[in-house]
Amino acid sequence: MSMSEEMKACPICESPYGYFTGNNSYTCPECSHEWNLKKTENDSFTVIDCNGNPLQNGDSVIVIKNLPVKGAPKPIKSGTKVKNIRLVDADHNINCKIDGFGSMQLKSEFVRRS
């Protein structure tokens, strides 16, 4: 088995350098997340917005309140539309890119589906 076959993308930070640690387990060297490959493939999770609507990968959402960003001089304004979200099973369960801010992680409780 070659080295590239043993690496898997991290489900949290999406780093392509997750390495095999035995018993179908992988570890991400960038965020230190550990996961079981079989469990990740078989598990499904539901992410809901502030109104209780289920979200899916690729949805567009709207931010419902001003969100401060560490290191940024201004917050993400209420009403900002975010396109093509990616869902992850974590505390901040939405990965996205916001114009003027770059890659971000948001909590689904602060967005609504558009």
PDB file of N, CA and C in Angstrom:
ATOM      1  N   MET A   1       0.846  -1.180   0.000  1.00  0.00           N
ATOM      2  CA  MET A   1       0.000   0.000   0.000  1.00  0.00           C
ATOM      3  C   MET A   1       0.889   1.240   0.000  1.00  0.00           C
ATOM      4  N   SER A   2       0.660   2.147  -0.918  1.00  0.00           N
ATOM      5  CA  SER A   2       1.486   3.354  -0.984  1.00  0.00           C
ATOM      6  C   SER A   2       1.031   4.379   0.047  1.00  0.00           C
ATOM      7  N   MET A   3       1.874   5.376   0.276  1.00  0.00           N
ATOM      8  CA  MET A   3       1.576   6.391   1.281  1.00  0.00           C
ATOM      9  C   MET A   3       0.311   7.171   0.938  1.00  0.00           C
ATOM     10  N   SER A   4       0.082   7.474  -0.342  1.00  0.00           N
ATOM     11  CA  SER A   4      -1.091   8.246  -0.724  1.00  0.00           C
ATOM     12  C   SER A   4      -2.381   7.460  -0.508  1.00  0.00           C
ATOM     13  N   GLU A   5      -2.314   6.110  -0.583  1.00  0.00           N
ATOM     14  CA  GLU A   5      -3.498   5.304  -0.332  1.00  0.00           C
ATOM     15  C   GLU A   5      -3.854   5.288   1.147  1.00  0.00           C
ATOM     16  N   GLU A   6      -2.882   5.499   2.013  1.00  0.00           N
ATOM     17  CA  GLU A   6      -3.135   5.470   3.441  1.00  0.00           C
ATOM     18  C   GLU A   6      -3.667   6.796   3.963  1.00  0.00           C
ATOM     19  N   MET A   7      -3.505   7.886   3.227  1.00  0.00           N
ATOM     20  CA  MET A   7      -3.956   9.191   3.690  1.00  0.00           C
ATOM     21  C   MET A   7      -5.419   9.413   3.332  1.00  0.00           C
ATOM     22  N   LYS A   8      -6.159   9.979   4.278  1.00  0.00           N
ATOM     23  CA  LYS A   8      -7.570  10.311   4.083  1.00  0.00           C
ATOM     24  C   LYS A   8      -7.793  11.745   4.514  1.00  0.00           C
ATOM     25  N   ALA A   9      -8.734  12.423   3.877  1.00  0.00           N
ATOM     26  CA  ALA A   9      -9.049  13.804   4.251  1.00  0.00           C
ATOM     27  C   ALA A   9      -9.732  13.843   5.605  1.00  0.00           C
ATOM     28  N   CYS A  10      -9.346  14.795   6.423  1.00  0.00           N
ATOM     29  CA  CYS A  10      -9.926  14.973   7.752  1.00  0.00           C
ATOM     30  C   CYS A  10     -11.369  15.462   7.623  1.00  0.00           C
ATOM     31  N   PRO A  11     -12.327  14.859   8.331  1.00  0.00           N
ATOM     32  CA  PRO A  11     -13.721  15.313   8.239  1.00  0.00           C
ATOM     33  C   PRO A  11     -13.966  16.649   8.933  1.00  0.00           C
ATOM     34  N   ILE A  12     -13.036  17.115   9.749  1.00  0.00           N
ATOM     35  CA  ILE A  12     -13.213  18.386  10.456  1.00  0.00           C
ATOM     36  C   ILE A  12     -12.585  19.539   9.681  1.00  0.00           C
ATOM     37  N   CYS A  13     -11.270  19.477   9.444  1.00  0.00           N
ATOM     38  CA  CYS A  13     -10.580  20.596   8.799  1.00  0.00           C
ATOM     39  C   CYS A  13     -10.338  20.353   7.305  1.00  0.00           C
ATOM     40  N   GLU A  14     -10.665  19.179   6.820  1.00  0.00           N
ATOM     41  CA  GLU A  14     -10.532  18.782   5.419  1.00  0.00           C
ATOM     42  C   GLU A  14      -9.084  18.743   4.933  1.00  0.00           C
ATOM     43  N   SER A  15      -8.139  18.639   5.859  1.00  0.00           N
ATOM     44  CA  SER A  15      -6.739  18.476   5.484  1.00  0.00           C
ATOM     45  C   SER A  15      -6.581  17.126   4.791  1.00  0.00           C
ATOM     46  N   PRO A  16      -5.851  17.053   3.682  1.00  0.00           N
ATOM     47  CA  PRO A  16      -5.697  15.783   2.969  1.00  0.00           C
ATOM     48  C   PRO A  16      -4.651  14.864   3.595  1.00  0.00           C
ATOM     49  N   TYR A  17      -4.068  15.229   4.739  1.00  0.00           N
ATOM     50  CA  TYR A  17      -2.943  14.499   5.306  1.00  0.00           C
ATOM     51  C   TYR A  17      -3.302  13.591   6.485  1.00  0.00           C
ATOM     52  N   GLY A  18      -4.560  13.202   6.636  1.00  0.00           N
ATOM     53  CA  GLY A  18      -4.936  12.281   7.703  1.00  0.00           C
ATOM     54  C   GLY A  18      -4.235  10.950   7.492  1.00  0.00           C
ATOM     55  N   TYR A  19      -3.568  10.444   8.511  1.00  0.00           N
ATOM     56  CA  TYR A  19      -2.785   9.221   8.350  1.00  0.00           C
ATOM     57  C   TYR A  19      -3.362   8.074   9.171  1.00  0.00           C
ATOM     58  N   PHE A  20      -3.137   6.866   8.693  1.00  0.00           N
ATOM     59  CA  PHE A  20      -3.648   5.648   9.291  1.00  0.00           C
ATOM     60  C   PHE A  20      -2.905   5.349  10.585  1.00  0.00           C
ATOM     61  N   THR A  21      -3.658   5.060  11.660  1.00  0.00           N
ATOM     62  CA  THR A  21      -3.047   4.752  12.952  1.00  0.00           C
ATOM     63  C   THR A  21      -3.409   3.355  13.448  1.00  0.00           C
ATOM     64  N   GLY A  22      -4.088   2.560  12.643  1.00  0.00           N
ATOM     65  CA  GLY A  22      -4.439   1.190  13.003  1.00  0.00           C
ATOM     66  C   GLY A  22      -5.914   1.042  13.333  1.00  0.00           C
ATOM     67  N   ASN A  23      -6.449  -0.178  13.150  1.00  0.00           N
ATOM     68  CA  ASN A  23      -7.855  -0.507  13.437  1.00  0.00           C
ATOM     69  C   ASN A  23      -8.841   0.454  12.772  1.00  0.00           C
ATOM     70  N   ASN A  24      -8.604   0.783  11.503  1.00  0.00           N
ATOM     71  CA  ASN A  24      -9.453   1.698  10.726  1.00  0.00           C
ATOM     72  C   ASN A  24      -9.518   3.096  11.329  1.00  0.00           C
ATOM     73  N   SER A  25      -8.554   3.472  12.131  1.00  0.00           N
ATOM     74  CA  SER A  25      -8.509   4.803  12.734  1.00  0.00           C
ATOM     75  C   SER A  25      -7.516   5.683  11.982  1.00  0.00           C
ATOM     76  N   TYR A  26      -7.838   6.964  11.905  1.00  0.00           N
ATOM     77  CA  TYR A  26      -6.992   7.952  11.257  1.00  0.00           C
ATOM     78  C   TYR A  26      -6.811   9.150  12.184  1.00  0.00           C
ATOM     79  N   THR A  27      -5.706   9.868  12.019  1.00  0.00           N
ATOM     80  CA  THR A  27      -5.412  11.069  12.799  1.00  0.00           C
ATOM     81  C   THR A  27      -5.002  12.184  11.847  1.00  0.00           C
ATOM     82  N   CYS A  28      -5.473  13.394  12.128  1.00  0.00           N
ATOM     83  CA  CYS A  28      -5.113  14.556  11.328  1.00  0.00           C
ATOM     84  C   CYS A  28      -3.938  15.268  11.990  1.00  0.00           C
ATOM     85  N   PRO A  29      -2.827  15.467  11.268  1.00  0.00           N
ATOM     86  CA  PRO A  29      -1.681  16.151  11.860  1.00  0.00           C
ATOM     87  C   PRO A  29      -1.888  17.652  12.029  1.00  0.00           C
ATOM     88  N   GLU A  30      -2.887  18.225  11.360  1.00  0.00           N
ATOM     89  CA  GLU A  30      -3.099  19.671  11.438  1.00  0.00           C
ATOM     90  C   GLU A  30      -4.020  20.078  12.576  1.00  0.00           C
ATOM     91  N   CYS A  31      -5.109  19.325  12.813  1.00  0.00           N
ATOM     92  CA  CYS A  31      -6.048  19.708  13.875  1.00  0.00           C
ATOM     93  C   CYS A  31      -6.113  18.672  14.999  1.00  0.00           C
ATOM     94  N   SER A  32      -5.352  17.573  14.876  1.00  0.00           N
ATOM     95  CA  SER A  32      -5.277  16.497  15.876  1.00  0.00           C
ATOM     96  C   SER A  32      -6.582  15.725  16.055  1.00  0.00           C
ATOM     97  N   HIS A  33      -7.499  15.844  15.095  1.00  0.00           N
ATOM     98  CA  HIS A  33      -8.750  15.096  15.169  1.00  0.00           C
ATOM     99  C   HIS A  33      -8.476  13.622  14.867  1.00  0.00           C
ATOM    100  N   GLU A  34      -9.100  12.738  15.629  1.00  0.00           N
ATOM    101  CA  GLU A  34      -8.995  11.300  15.388  1.00  0.00           C
ATOM    102  C   GLU A  34     -10.373  10.784  15.014  1.00  0.00           C
ATOM    103  N   TRP A  35     -10.435   9.914  14.003  1.00  0.00           N
ATOM    104  CA  TRP A  35     -11.716   9.364  13.585  1.00  0.00           C
ATOM    105  C   TRP A  35     -11.552   7.945  13.091  1.00  0.00           C
ATOM    106  N   ASN A  36     -12.673   7.217  13.146  1.00  0.00           N
ATOM    107  CA  ASN A  36     -12.740   5.851  12.659  1.00  0.00           C
ATOM    108  C   ASN A  36     -13.364   5.918  11.277  1.00  0.00           C
ATOM    109  N   LEU A  37     -12.683   5.407  10.279  1.00  0.00           N
ATOM    110  CA  LEU A  37     -13.139   5.525   8.899  1.00  0.00           C
ATOM    111  C   LEU A  37     -14.494   4.863   8.693  1.00  0.00           C
ATOM    112  N   LYS A  38     -14.701   3.664   9.225  1.00  0.00           N
ATOM    113  CA  LYS A  38     -15.986   2.994   9.048  1.00  0.00           C
ATOM    114  C   LYS A  38     -17.108   3.756   9.716  1.00  0.00           C
ATOM    115  N   LYS A  39     -16.872   4.293  10.896  1.00  0.00           N
ATOM    116  CA  LYS A  39     -17.891   5.061  11.607  1.00  0.00           C
ATOM    117  C   LYS A  39     -18.236   6.330  10.842  1.00  0.00           C
ATOM    118  N   THR A  40     -17.253   7.016  10.287  1.00  0.00           N
ATOM    119  CA  THR A  40     -17.471   8.248   9.531  1.00  0.00           C
ATOM    120  C   THR A  40     -18.297   7.979   8.278  1.00  0.00           C
ATOM    121  N   GLU A  41     -18.030   6.883   7.593  1.00  0.00           N
ATOM    122  CA  GLU A  41     -18.740   6.581   6.356  1.00  0.00           C
ATOM    123  C   GLU A  41     -20.183   6.167   6.613  1.00  0.00           C
ATOM    124  N   ASN A  42     -20.465   5.496   7.728  1.00  0.00           N
ATOM    125  CA  ASN A  42     -21.796   4.980   7.988  1.00  0.00           C
ATOM    126  C   ASN A  42     -22.690   5.940   8.765  1.00  0.00           C
ATOM    127  N   ASP A  43     -22.108   6.821   9.544  1.00  0.00           N
ATOM    128  CA  ASP A  43     -22.895   7.736  10.361  1.00  0.00           C
ATOM    129  C   ASP A  43     -23.435   8.877   9.513  1.00  0.00           C
ATOM    130  N   SER A  44     -24.644   9.282   9.836  1.00  0.00           N
ATOM    131  CA  SER A  44     -25.186  10.486   9.238  1.00  0.00           C
ATOM    132  C   SER A  44     -25.648  11.374  10.379  1.00  0.00           C
ATOM    133  N   PHE A  45     -25.566  12.659  10.175  1.00  0.00           N
ATOM    134  CA  PHE A  45     -25.978  13.586  11.209  1.00  0.00           C
ATOM    135  C   PHE A  45     -26.848  14.643  10.567  1.00  0.00           C
ATOM    136  N   THR A  46     -27.665  15.288  11.376  1.00  0.00           N
ATOM    137  CA  THR A  46     -28.566  16.302  10.885  1.00  0.00           C
ATOM    138  C   THR A  46     -28.163  17.643  11.463  1.00  0.00           C
ATOM    139  N   VAL A  47     -28.097  18.641  10.600  1.00  0.00           N
ATOM    140  CA  VAL A  47     -27.801  20.001  11.027  1.00  0.00           C
ATOM    141  C   VAL A  47     -29.035  20.830  10.712  1.00  0.00           C
ATOM    142  N   ILE A  48     -29.519  21.577  11.718  1.00  0.00           N
ATOM    143  CA  ILE A  48     -30.709  22.398  11.520  1.00  0.00           C
ATOM    144  C   ILE A  48     -30.362  23.866  11.727  1.00  0.00           C
ATOM    145  N   ASP A  49     -31.081  24.739  11.029  1.00  0.00           N
ATOM    146  CA  ASP A  49     -30.845  26.180  11.166  1.00  0.00           C
ATOM    147  C   ASP A  49     -31.632  26.731  12.353  1.00  0.00           C
ATOM    148  N   CYS A  50     -31.638  28.046  12.523  1.00  0.00           N
ATOM    149  CA  CYS A  50     -32.297  28.668  13.675  1.00  0.00           C
ATOM    150  C   CYS A  50     -33.806  28.459  13.674  1.00  0.00           C
ATOM    151  N   ASN A  51     -34.394  28.179  12.523  1.00  0.00           N
ATOM    152  CA  ASN A  51     -35.839  27.958  12.426  1.00  0.00           C
ATOM    153  C   ASN A  51     -36.223  26.484  12.465  1.00  0.00           C
ATOM    154  N   GLY A  52     -35.255  25.599  12.620  1.00  0.00           N
ATOM    155  CA  GLY A  52     -35.540  24.165  12.676  1.00  0.00           C
ATOM    156  C   GLY A  52     -35.560  23.487  11.324  1.00  0.00           C
ATOM    157  N   ASN A  53     -35.153  24.176  10.282  1.00  0.00           N
ATOM    158  CA  ASN A  53     -35.111  23.578   8.941  1.00  0.00           C
ATOM    159  C   ASN A  53     -33.805  22.812   8.764  1.00  0.00           C
ATOM    160  N   PRO A  54     -33.855  21.603   8.202  1.00  0.00           N
ATOM    161  CA  PRO A  54     -32.611  20.856   7.982  1.00  0.00           C
ATOM    162  C   PRO A  54     -31.771  21.499   6.882  1.00  0.00           C
ATOM    163  N   LEU A  55     -30.460  21.496   7.084  1.00  0.00           N
ATOM    164  CA  LEU A  55     -29.516  22.022   6.096  1.00  0.00           C
ATOM    165  C   LEU A  55     -28.801  20.872   5.409  1.00  0.00           C
ATOM    166  N   GLN A  56     -28.348  21.121   4.176  1.00  0.00           N
ATOM    167  CA  GLN A  56     -27.604  20.126   3.412  1.00  0.00           C
ATOM    168  C   GLN A  56     -26.362  20.781   2.824  1.00  0.00           C
ATOM    169  N   ASN A  57     -25.379  19.953   2.466  1.00  0.00           N
ATOM    170  CA  ASN A  57     -24.187  20.464   1.788  1.00  0.00           C
ATOM    171  C   ASN A  57     -24.610  21.187   0.513  1.00  0.00           C
ATOM    172  N   GLY A  58     -24.016  22.338   0.261  1.00  0.00           N
ATOM    173  CA  GLY A  58     -24.316  23.102  -0.940  1.00  0.00           C
ATOM    174  C   GLY A  58     -25.421  24.119  -0.776  1.00  0.00           C
ATOM    175  N   ASP A  59     -26.127  24.125   0.351  1.00  0.00           N
ATOM    176  CA  ASP A  59     -27.190  25.104   0.590  1.00  0.00           C
ATOM    177  C   ASP A  59     -26.615  26.505   0.710  1.00  0.00           C
ATOM    178  N   SER A  60     -27.490  27.485   0.550  1.00  0.00           N
ATOM    179  CA  SER A  60     -27.153  28.880   0.837  1.00  0.00           C
ATOM    180  C   SER A  60     -27.889  29.264   2.109  1.00  0.00           C
ATOM    181  N   VAL A  61     -27.205  30.034   2.959  1.00  0.00           N
ATOM    182  CA  VAL A  61     -27.806  30.464   4.221  1.00  0.00           C
ATOM    183  C   VAL A  61     -27.600  31.964   4.395  1.00  0.00           C
ATOM    184  N   ILE A  62     -28.369  32.546   5.315  1.00  0.00           N
ATOM    185  CA  ILE A  62     -28.258  33.963   5.634  1.00  0.00           C
ATOM    186  C   ILE A  62     -27.955  34.087   7.123  1.00  0.00           C
ATOM    187  N   VAL A  63     -26.956  34.895   7.454  1.00  0.00           N
ATOM    188  CA  VAL A  63     -26.582  35.134   8.848  1.00  0.00           C
ATOM    189  C   VAL A  63     -27.668  35.980   9.496  1.00  0.00           C
ATOM    190  N   ILE A  64     -28.132  35.604  10.707  1.00  0.00           N
ATOM    191  CA  ILE A  64     -29.267  36.292  11.331  1.00  0.00           C
ATOM    192  C   ILE A  64     -28.869  37.356  12.346  1.00  0.00           C
ATOM    193  N   LYS A  65     -27.589  37.424  12.725  1.00  0.00           N
ATOM    194  CA  LYS A  65     -27.143  38.466  13.656  1.00  0.00           C
ATOM    195  C   LYS A  65     -25.689  38.802  13.365  1.00  0.00           C
ATOM    196  N   ASN A  66     -25.248  39.968  13.805  1.00  0.00           N
ATOM    197  CA  ASN A  66     -23.844  40.339  13.620  1.00  0.00           C
ATOM    198  C   ASN A  66     -22.970  39.374  14.402  1.00  0.00           C
ATOM    199  N   LEU A  67     -21.958  38.816  13.749  1.00  0.00           N
ATOM    200  CA  LEU A  67     -21.066  37.855  14.382  1.00  0.00           C
ATOM    201  C   LEU A  67     -19.647  38.421  14.423  1.00  0.00           C
ATOM    202  N   PRO A  68     -19.109  38.650  15.629  1.00  0.00           N
ATOM    203  CA  PRO A  68     -17.735  39.148  15.711  1.00  0.00           C
ATOM    204  C   PRO A  68     -16.751  38.082  15.241  1.00  0.00           C
ATOM    205  N   VAL A  69     -15.665  38.532  14.609  1.00  0.00           N
ATOM    206  CA  VAL A  69     -14.643  37.617  14.096  1.00  0.00           C
ATOM    207  C   VAL A  69     -13.318  37.994  14.742  1.00  0.00           C
ATOM    208  N   LYS A  70     -12.670  37.016  15.386  1.00  0.00           N
ATOM    209  CA  LYS A  70     -11.381  37.285  16.016  1.00  0.00           C
ATOM    210  C   LYS A  70     -10.376  37.760  14.969  1.00  0.00           C
ATOM    211  N   GLY A  71      -9.687  38.858  15.266  1.00  0.00           N
ATOM    212  CA  GLY A  71      -8.661  39.369  14.376  1.00  0.00           C
ATOM    213  C   GLY A  71      -9.177  40.214  13.227  1.00  0.00           C
ATOM    214  N   ALA A  72     -10.485  40.348  13.106  1.00  0.00           N
ATOM    215  CA  ALA A  72     -11.051  41.165  12.024  1.00  0.00           C
ATOM    216  C   ALA A  72     -11.565  42.482  12.611  1.00  0.00           C
ATOM    217  N   PRO A  73     -11.418  43.574  11.879  1.00  0.00           N
ATOM    218  CA  PRO A  73     -11.852  44.863  12.402  1.00  0.00           C
ATOM    219  C   PRO A  73     -13.371  45.051  12.432  1.00  0.00           C
ATOM    220  N   LYS A  74     -14.096  44.219  11.702  1.00  0.00           N
ATOM    221  CA  LYS A  74     -15.552  44.366  11.642  1.00  0.00           C
ATOM    222  C   LYS A  74     -16.206  42.988  11.754  1.00  0.00           C
ATOM    223  N   PRO A  75     -17.460  42.939  12.203  1.00  0.00           N
ATOM    224  CA  PRO A  75     -18.161  41.662  12.311  1.00  0.00           C
ATOM    225  C   PRO A  75     -18.757  41.237  10.966  1.00  0.00           C
ATOM    226  N   ILE A  76     -19.201  39.996  10.917  1.00  0.00           N
ATOM    227  CA  ILE A  76     -20.001  39.542   9.777  1.00  0.00           C
ATOM    228  C   ILE A  76     -21.390  40.115  10.020  1.00  0.00           C
ATOM    229  N   LYS A  77     -21.897  40.905   9.095  1.00  0.00           N
ATOM    230  CA  LYS A  77     -23.155  41.622   9.280  1.00  0.00           C
ATOM    231  C   LYS A  77     -24.367  40.701   9.162  1.00  0.00           C
ATOM    232  N   SER A  78     -25.385  41.017   9.920  1.00  0.00           N
ATOM    233  CA  SER A  78     -26.671  40.342   9.797  1.00  0.00           C
ATOM    234  C   SER A  78     -27.180  40.514   8.372  1.00  0.00           C
ATOM    235  N   GLY A  79     -27.696  39.456   7.778  1.00  0.00           N
ATOM    236  CA  GLY A  79     -28.201  39.515   6.415  1.00  0.00           C
ATOM    237  C   GLY A  79     -27.197  39.087   5.360  1.00  0.00           C
ATOM    238  N   THR A  80     -25.959  38.784   5.779  1.00  0.00           N
ATOM    239  CA  THR A  80     -24.945  38.323   4.827  1.00  0.00           C
ATOM    240  C   THR A  80     -25.341  36.955   4.291  1.00  0.00           C
ATOM    241  N   LYS A  81     -25.340  36.820   2.972  1.00  0.00           N
ATOM    242  CA  LYS A  81     -25.674  35.532   2.352  1.00  0.00           C
ATOM    243  C   LYS A  81     -24.401  34.723   2.152  1.00  0.00           C
ATOM    244  N   VAL A  82     -24.454  33.464   2.559  1.00  0.00           N
ATOM    245  CA  VAL A  82     -23.321  32.558   2.434  1.00  0.00           C
ATOM    246  C   VAL A  82     -23.753  31.415   1.522  1.00  0.00           C
ATOM    247  N   LYS A  83     -23.015  31.218   0.425  1.00  0.00           N
ATOM    248  CA  LYS A  83     -23.370  30.196  -0.561  1.00  0.00           C
ATOM    249  C   LYS A  83     -22.494  28.961  -0.405  1.00  0.00           C
ATOM    250  N   ASN A  84     -23.036  27.832  -0.832  1.00  0.00           N
ATOM    251  CA  ASN A  84     -22.300  26.571  -0.941  1.00  0.00           C
ATOM    252  C   ASN A  84     -21.643  26.160   0.385  1.00  0.00           C
ATOM    253  N   ILE A  85     -22.455  25.954   1.422  1.00  0.00           N
ATOM    254  CA  ILE A  85     -21.925  25.550   2.720  1.00  0.00           C
ATOM    255  C   ILE A  85     -21.557  24.071   2.720  1.00  0.00           C
ATOM    256  N   ARG A  86     -20.662  23.696   3.622  1.00  0.00           N
ATOM    257  CA  ARG A  86     -20.299  22.295   3.848  1.00  0.00           C
ATOM    258  C   ARG A  86     -20.576  21.983   5.312  1.00  0.00           C
ATOM    259  N   LEU A  87     -21.254  20.883   5.578  1.00  0.00           N
ATOM    260  CA  LEU A  87     -21.613  20.514   6.942  1.00  0.00           C
ATOM    261  C   LEU A  87     -20.581  19.573   7.530  1.00  0.00           C
ATOM    262  N   VAL A  88     -20.270  19.781   8.807  1.00  0.00           N
ATOM    263  CA  VAL A  88     -19.349  18.918   9.535  1.00  0.00           C
ATOM    264  C   VAL A  88     -19.975  18.585  10.885  1.00  0.00           C
ATOM    265  N   ASP A  89     -19.580  17.461  11.447  1.00  0.00           N
ATOM    266  CA  ASP A  89     -20.098  17.036  12.744  1.00  0.00           C
ATOM    267  C   ASP A  89     -19.183  17.583  13.832  1.00  0.00           C
ATOM    268  N   ALA A  90     -19.386  18.859  14.184  1.00  0.00           N
ATOM    269  CA  ALA A  90     -18.558  19.532  15.188  1.00  0.00           C
ATOM    270  C   ALA A  90     -19.389  20.640  15.834  1.00  0.00           C
ATOM    271  N   ASP A  91     -18.797  21.346  16.802  1.00  0.00           N
ATOM    272  CA  ASP A  91     -19.493  22.438  17.473  1.00  0.00           C
ATOM    273  C   ASP A  91     -19.858  23.547  16.482  1.00  0.00           C
ATOM    274  N   HIS A  92     -18.899  23.985  15.692  1.00  0.00           N
ATOM    275  CA  HIS A  92     -19.157  24.919  14.599  1.00  0.00           C
ATOM    276  C   HIS A  92     -19.395  24.045  13.376  1.00  0.00           C
ATOM    277  N   ASN A  93     -20.664  23.754  13.082  1.00  0.00           N
ATOM    278  CA  ASN A  93     -20.997  22.690  12.144  1.00  0.00           C
ATOM    279  C   ASN A  93     -21.175  23.126  10.695  1.00  0.00           C
ATOM    280  N   ILE A  94     -20.789  24.342  10.343  1.00  0.00           N
ATOM    281  CA  ILE A  94     -20.843  24.795   8.950  1.00  0.00           C
ATOM    282  C   ILE A  94     -19.473  25.331   8.550  1.00  0.00           C
ATOM    283  N   ASN A  95     -18.908  24.785   7.497  1.00  0.00           N
ATOM    284  CA  ASN A  95     -17.681  25.326   6.892  1.00  0.00           C
ATOM    285  C   ASN A  95     -18.110  26.090   5.653  1.00  0.00           C
ATOM    286  N   CYS A  96     -17.545  27.286   5.461  1.00  0.00           N
ATOM    287  CA  CYS A  96     -17.939  28.096   4.320  1.00  0.00           C
ATOM    288  C   CYS A  96     -16.857  29.122   4.016  1.00  0.00           C
ATOM    289  N   LYS A  97     -17.049  29.849   2.917  1.00  0.00           N
ATOM    290  CA  LYS A  97     -16.192  30.982   2.570  1.00  0.00           C
ATOM    291  C   LYS A  97     -17.078  32.206   2.490  1.00  0.00           C
ATOM    292  N   ILE A  98     -16.640  33.282   3.160  1.00  0.00           N
ATOM    293  CA  ILE A  98     -17.398  34.526   3.166  1.00  0.00           C
ATOM    294  C   ILE A  98     -16.534  35.607   2.537  1.00  0.00           C
ATOM    295  N   ASP A  99     -17.105  36.319   1.556  1.00  0.00           N
ATOM    296  CA  ASP A  99     -16.367  37.394   0.885  1.00  0.00           C
ATOM    297  C   ASP A  99     -15.889  38.407   1.908  1.00  0.00           C
ATOM    298  N   GLY A 100     -14.625  38.761   1.834  1.00  0.00           N
ATOM    299  CA  GLY A 100     -14.040  39.726   2.744  1.00  0.00           C
ATOM    300  C   GLY A 100     -13.484  39.119   4.022  1.00  0.00           C
ATOM    301  N   PHE A 101     -13.810  37.831   4.299  1.00  0.00           N
ATOM    302  CA  PHE A 101     -13.333  37.165   5.507  1.00  0.00           C
ATOM    303  C   PHE A 101     -12.560  35.887   5.206  1.00  0.00           C
ATOM    304  N   GLY A 102     -12.896  35.211   4.115  1.00  0.00           N
ATOM    305  CA  GLY A 102     -12.242  33.950   3.767  1.00  0.00           C
ATOM    306  C   GLY A 102     -12.958  32.754   4.359  1.00  0.00           C
ATOM    307  N   SER A 103     -12.214  31.682   4.574  1.00  0.00           N
ATOM    308  CA  SER A 103     -12.794  30.452   5.116  1.00  0.00           C
ATOM    309  C   SER A 103     -13.210  30.655   6.560  1.00  0.00           C
ATOM    310  N   MET A 104     -14.406  30.196   6.890  1.00  0.00           N
ATOM    311  CA  MET A 104     -14.961  30.381   8.234  1.00  0.00           C
ATOM    312  C   MET A 104     -15.671  29.113   8.675  1.00  0.00           C
ATOM    313  N   GLN A 105     -15.869  29.018   9.969  1.00  0.00           N
ATOM    314  CA  GLN A 105     -16.728  27.993  10.543  1.00  0.00           C
ATOM    315  C   GLN A 105     -17.815  28.718  11.318  1.00  0.00           C
ATOM    316  N   LEU A 106     -19.062  28.347  11.072  1.00  0.00           N
ATOM    317  CA  LEU A 106     -20.199  28.986  11.721  1.00  0.00           C
ATOM    318  C   LEU A 106     -21.016  27.955  12.484  1.00  0.00           C
ATOM    319  N   LYS A 107     -21.760  28.424  13.469  1.00  0.00           N
ATOM    320  CA  LYS A 107     -22.723  27.579  14.158  1.00  0.00           C
ATOM    321  C   LYS A 107     -24.053  27.730  13.437  1.00  0.00           C
ATOM    322  N   SER A 108     -24.748  26.618  13.259  1.00  0.00           N
ATOM    323  CA  SER A 108     -26.005  26.642  12.512  1.00  0.00           C
ATOM    324  C   SER A 108     -27.095  27.432  13.233  1.00  0.00           C
ATOM    325  N   GLU A 109     -26.956  27.661  14.528  1.00  0.00           N
ATOM    326  CA  GLU A 109     -27.976  28.405  15.269  1.00  0.00           C
ATOM    327  C   GLU A 109     -27.988  29.893  14.904  1.00  0.00           C
ATOM    328  N   PHE A 110     -26.961  30.368  14.187  1.00  0.00           N
ATOM    329  CA  PHE A 110     -26.886  31.779  13.803  1.00  0.00           C
ATOM    330  C   PHE A 110     -27.188  32.010  12.325  1.00  0.00           C
ATOM    331  N   VAL A 111     -27.728  31.016  11.637  1.00  0.00           N
ATOM    332  CA  VAL A 111     -28.067  31.162  10.229  1.00  0.00           C
ATOM    333  C   VAL A 111     -29.466  30.616   9.967  1.00  0.00           C
ATOM    334  N   ARG A 112     -30.039  31.063   8.846  1.00  0.00           N
ATOM    335  CA  ARG A 112     -31.294  30.483   8.372  1.00  0.00           C
ATOM    336  C   ARG A 112     -31.137  30.142   6.901  1.00  0.00           C
ATOM    337  N   ARG A 113     -31.826  29.111   6.483  1.00  0.00           N
ATOM    338  CA  ARG A 113     -31.746  28.693   5.081  1.00  0.00           C
ATOM    339  C   ARG A 113     -32.404  29.744   4.203  1.00  0.00           C
ATOM    340  N   SER A 114     -31.789  30.041   3.071  1.00  0.00           N
ATOM    341  CA  SER A 114     -32.362  31.045   2.170  1.00  0.00           C
ATOM    342  C   SER A 114     -33.108  30.398   1.017  1.00  0.00           C
TER     343      SER A 114
END
